[in-house]
Amino acid sequence: MTGPNKDEKFPLEHYNRLCFLKNIVKNPNILVGDYTYYDDFENVENFEKNVKYLFDFVGDKLIIGKFCMIASDVKFIMNGANHLTDSLSTYPFSIFGNGWEKAMEGKTYPQKGDINIDNDVWIGYNATIMAGVTIGDGAIIATNSTVIKDVEPYSIVGGNPAREIKKRFSDKTIAKLLKIQWWNWDIEKITANLQHLTGNNVEKLIDLE
């Protein structure tokens, strides 16, 4: 046995509210790694509805790594939501035309970059991730958090705006985990070492390298 089929839409038999996310996403600007799952209280198709303001003409991306866990109602606010903030008015005159077309000549809307979710990240219910944010490997985002800045690997953040609550492990252990990158092992090796991955002795993983 080598675990569930990563190409299966619904990996849990008789349960269609948890999906391996890469198998349901249709937007080419949403990139998802293997085994990352999304669990929704109603319908997994809600995921893309919660990726807000992802417009083709902006060109930004939502990039999610492997083995992530994303709870229901998590929202991603992309760059299409941005307005001018250093101008006298933030109003988007140009989109309405009828003589307002040239309002943005010589100007551009703020662009904060892609949203990057690294690997083995757990994002709790109803969290909001803002444009340009990177969430490091192994991080945990608490329920109802609003993340407006980068999150360090293996840290737990919460609140609005989200702030670091604590590190999950010592800096030394985190450095070892980031070097090991177990999520890039082949699935046979992962399957053979589940007891170590669900334990807390990083040295056991180092011995496998």
Protein backbone atom coordinates (compact mmCIF):
# COMPACT_ATOMS: atom_id res chain seq x y z
CA MET A 1 0.00 0.00 0.00
CA THR A 2 1.23 3.50 -0.85
CA GLY A 3 -1.57 5.58 0.61
CA PRO A 4 -4.48 7.23 -1.21
CA ASN A 5 -4.44 7.94 -4.93
CA LYS A 6 -3.24 11.52 -5.31
CA ASP A 7 -5.25 11.81 -8.53
CA GLU A 8 -8.52 10.85 -6.83
CA LYS A 9 -11.01 13.71 -6.54
CA PHE A 10 -12.59 12.41 -3.33
CA PRO A 11 -10.11 10.24 -1.40
CA LEU A 12 -12.54 9.34 1.42
CA GLU A 13 -15.11 6.76 0.37
CA HIS A 14 -18.73 7.98 0.49
CA TYR A 15 -17.65 11.50 1.51
CA ASN A 16 -17.64 14.30 -1.06
CA ARG A 17 -16.94 17.31 1.11
CA LEU A 18 -13.21 16.65 1.31
CA CYS A 19 -11.22 16.64 -1.91
CA PHE A 20 -7.65 16.48 -3.09
CA LEU A 21 -7.69 20.07 -4.25
CA LYS A 22 -5.55 19.85 -7.39
CA ASN A 23 -8.19 17.55 -8.91
CA ILE A 24 -11.06 20.06 -8.73
CA VAL A 25 -9.33 23.37 -9.48
CA LYS A 26 -10.04 24.72 -12.96
CA ASN A 27 -8.40 28.15 -12.92
CA PRO A 28 -4.88 27.92 -14.45
CA ASN A 29 -3.67 30.63 -12.06
CA ILE A 30 -4.33 28.37 -9.05
CA LEU A 31 -1.53 25.81 -8.69
CA VAL A 32 -1.85 23.04 -6.09
CA GLY A 33 0.54 20.27 -5.02
CA ASP A 34 -0.19 16.59 -4.44
CA TYR A 35 -2.20 15.44 -1.41
CA THR A 36 -3.26 18.94 -0.40
CA TYR A 37 -6.88 18.72 0.66
CA TYR A 38 -9.79 21.09 1.06
CA ASP A 39 -12.71 20.33 3.38
CA ASP A 40 -15.92 22.30 2.93
CA PHE A 41 -19.09 22.23 5.04
CA GLU A 42 -21.26 22.40 1.92
CA ASN A 43 -19.54 21.86 -1.42
CA VAL A 44 -15.87 21.66 -2.41
CA GLU A 45 -16.65 23.77 -5.48
CA ASN A 46 -16.78 26.71 -3.05
CA PHE A 47 -12.97 26.77 -2.99
CA GLU A 48 -12.55 28.74 -6.21
CA LYS A 49 -15.41 31.05 -5.20
CA ASN A 50 -13.33 31.94 -2.16
CA VAL A 51 -10.30 32.91 -4.23
CA LYS A 52 -11.43 36.51 -4.59
CA TYR A 53 -10.48 39.06 -7.27
CA LEU A 54 -8.34 36.63 -9.28
CA PHE A 55 -8.61 38.36 -12.64
CA ASP A 56 -6.81 37.10 -15.75
CA PHE A 57 -5.65 40.60 -16.70
CA VAL A 58 -3.82 41.04 -13.38
CA GLY A 59 -1.73 37.88 -13.83
CA ASP A 60 -1.12 36.94 -10.21
CA LYS A 61 -1.26 33.36 -8.92
CA LEU A 62 -2.29 31.36 -5.89
CA ILE A 63 0.39 28.71 -5.38
CA ILE A 64 -0.17 25.95 -2.80
CA GLY A 65 2.35 23.24 -1.98
CA LYS A 66 2.00 19.57 -1.06
CA PHE A 67 0.25 18.00 1.94
CA CYS A 68 -1.56 21.19 2.97
CA MET A 69 -4.85 21.18 4.92
CA ILE A 70 -7.35 23.91 4.10
CA ALA A 71 -10.56 24.25 6.09
CA SER A 72 -13.97 25.46 4.99
CA ASP A 73 -14.47 29.15 4.19
CA VAL A 74 -10.77 30.01 3.92
CA LYS A 75 -10.49 33.04 1.64
CA PHE A 76 -7.66 34.32 -0.51
CA ILE A 77 -7.77 38.02 -1.47
CA MET A 78 -5.84 38.50 -4.71
CA ASN A 79 -4.38 41.66 -6.26
CA GLY A 80 -7.47 42.44 -8.30
CA ALA A 81 -8.95 43.85 -5.08
CA ASN A 82 -6.34 46.62 -4.88
CA HIS A 83 -7.08 50.32 -5.37
CA LEU A 84 -4.78 53.34 -5.47
CA THR A 85 -3.84 54.33 -1.95
CA ASP A 86 -1.45 57.25 -2.50
CA SER A 87 -3.89 59.21 -4.69
CA LEU A 88 -6.44 61.73 -3.47
CA SER A 89 -9.23 59.27 -4.25
CA THR A 90 -9.19 55.48 -4.17
CA TYR A 91 -12.19 55.25 -6.54
CA PRO A 92 -11.58 53.12 -9.73
CA PHE A 93 -12.92 55.69 -12.22
CA SER A 94 -11.41 54.12 -15.34
CA ILE A 95 -13.32 50.82 -15.20
CA PHE A 96 -16.61 52.62 -15.87
CA GLY A 97 -15.59 54.25 -19.18
CA ASN A 98 -17.94 56.89 -20.62
CA GLY A 99 -15.24 59.54 -20.55
CA TRP A 100 -13.40 58.12 -17.53
CA GLU A 101 -11.23 55.70 -19.52
CA LYS A 102 -8.02 57.71 -19.17
CA ALA A 103 -8.14 58.12 -15.41
CA MET A 104 -5.33 55.56 -14.94
CA GLU A 105 -3.00 56.77 -17.71
CA GLY A 106 0.56 56.68 -16.38
CA LYS A 107 -0.57 54.92 -13.22
CA THR A 108 -0.86 51.31 -12.08
CA TYR A 109 -2.77 49.66 -9.30
CA PRO A 110 -0.73 48.25 -6.39
CA GLN A 111 0.61 44.76 -7.09
CA LYS A 112 1.75 42.83 -4.02
CA GLY A 113 2.61 39.60 -5.83
CA ASP A 114 1.43 36.01 -5.68
CA ILE A 115 0.09 34.23 -2.63
CA ASN A 116 2.44 31.34 -1.83
CA ILE A 117 1.44 28.59 0.57
CA ASP A 118 4.36 26.24 1.11
CA ASN A 119 4.11 22.57 2.18
CA ASP A 120 2.43 20.86 5.16
CA VAL A 121 0.55 24.06 6.05
CA TRP A 122 -2.70 23.91 8.05
CA ILE A 123 -5.11 26.81 7.47
CA GLY A 124 -8.02 26.91 9.91
CA TYR A 125 -11.69 27.69 9.33
CA ASN A 126 -12.60 31.11 7.91
CA ALA A 127 -9.03 32.41 7.77
CA THR A 128 -8.24 35.11 5.21
CA ILE A 129 -4.93 35.31 3.36
CA MET A 130 -4.07 38.61 1.68
CA ALA A 131 -2.26 39.20 -1.61
CA GLY A 132 1.51 38.91 -1.61
CA VAL A 133 1.72 36.74 1.51
CA THR A 134 4.00 33.70 1.77
CA ILE A 135 3.19 31.09 4.40
CA GLY A 136 6.21 28.95 5.22
CA ASP A 137 6.44 25.17 5.42
CA GLY A 138 4.75 23.57 8.41
CA ALA A 139 2.96 26.72 9.56
CA ILE A 140 -0.46 26.74 11.24
CA ILE A 141 -2.99 29.53 10.66
CA ALA A 142 -5.60 29.75 13.42
CA THR A 143 -9.35 29.94 12.83
CA ASN A 144 -10.69 33.39 11.81
CA SER A 145 -7.19 34.85 11.32
CA THR A 146 -6.45 37.55 8.76
CA VAL A 147 -2.91 37.10 7.43
CA ILE A 148 -1.44 40.31 6.02
CA LYS A 149 2.28 39.52 6.14
CA ASP A 150 4.57 36.54 5.63
CA VAL A 151 4.43 33.66 8.10
CA GLU A 152 7.65 31.95 9.18
CA PRO A 153 8.02 28.18 8.69
CA TYR A 154 6.71 26.01 11.53
CA SER A 155 5.11 28.94 13.35
CA ILE A 156 1.56 29.29 14.64
CA VAL A 157 -0.19 32.60 13.95
CA GLY A 158 -3.61 33.93 14.87
CA GLY A 159 -5.72 37.05 15.17
CA ASN A 160 -6.63 40.04 13.01
CA PRO A 161 -4.12 40.99 11.88
CA ALA A 162 -2.44 37.64 12.47
CA ARG A 163 0.56 37.65 14.79
CA GLU A 164 2.93 34.88 15.74
CA ILE A 165 1.73 32.97 18.80
CA LYS A 166 4.67 30.61 19.02
CA LYS A 167 7.08 28.44 17.07
CA ARG A 168 6.09 24.78 16.82
CA PHE A 169 9.63 23.57 17.45
CA SER A 170 13.06 24.91 18.37
CA ASP A 171 15.00 26.80 15.71
CA LYS A 172 17.40 23.87 15.49
CA THR A 173 14.61 21.37 14.82
CA ILE A 174 12.96 23.69 12.29
CA ALA A 175 16.23 24.01 10.38
CA LYS A 176 16.52 20.22 10.24
CA LEU A 177 12.94 19.82 9.00
CA LEU A 178 13.45 22.42 6.30
CA LYS A 179 16.55 20.56 5.15
CA ILE A 180 14.82 17.17 5.13
CA GLN A 181 11.76 18.35 3.13
CA TRP A 182 9.95 15.06 3.74
CA TRP A 183 7.10 16.14 1.44
CA ASN A 184 9.45 15.68 -1.52
CA TRP A 185 10.19 12.04 -0.67
CA ASP A 186 8.64 9.44 -2.92
CA ILE A 187 5.31 8.20 -1.61
CA GLU A 188 6.68 4.75 -0.78
CA LYS A 189 9.21 6.29 1.59
CA ILE A 190 6.57 8.51 3.16
CA THR A 191 4.25 5.55 3.64
CA ALA A 192 6.98 3.45 5.22
CA ASN A 193 7.76 6.20 7.75
CA LEU A 194 4.34 7.44 8.86
CA GLN A 195 5.10 6.58 12.49
CA HIS A 196 8.10 8.91 12.41
CA LEU A 197 6.17 11.68 10.62
CA THR A 198 3.42 11.53 13.24
CA GLY A 199 5.97 11.46 16.06
CA ASN A 200 8.15 14.31 17.34
CA ASN A 201 11.71 12.99 17.02
CA VAL A 202 13.30 14.73 14.07
CA GLU A 203 16.45 12.62 14.45
CA LYS A 204 14.46 9.59 13.26
CA LEU A 205 13.85 11.40 9.97
CA ILE A 206 17.47 12.47 9.68
CA ASP A 207 18.52 8.84 10.00
CA LEU A 208 16.51 8.11 6.83
CA GLU A 209 18.36 10.60 4.67
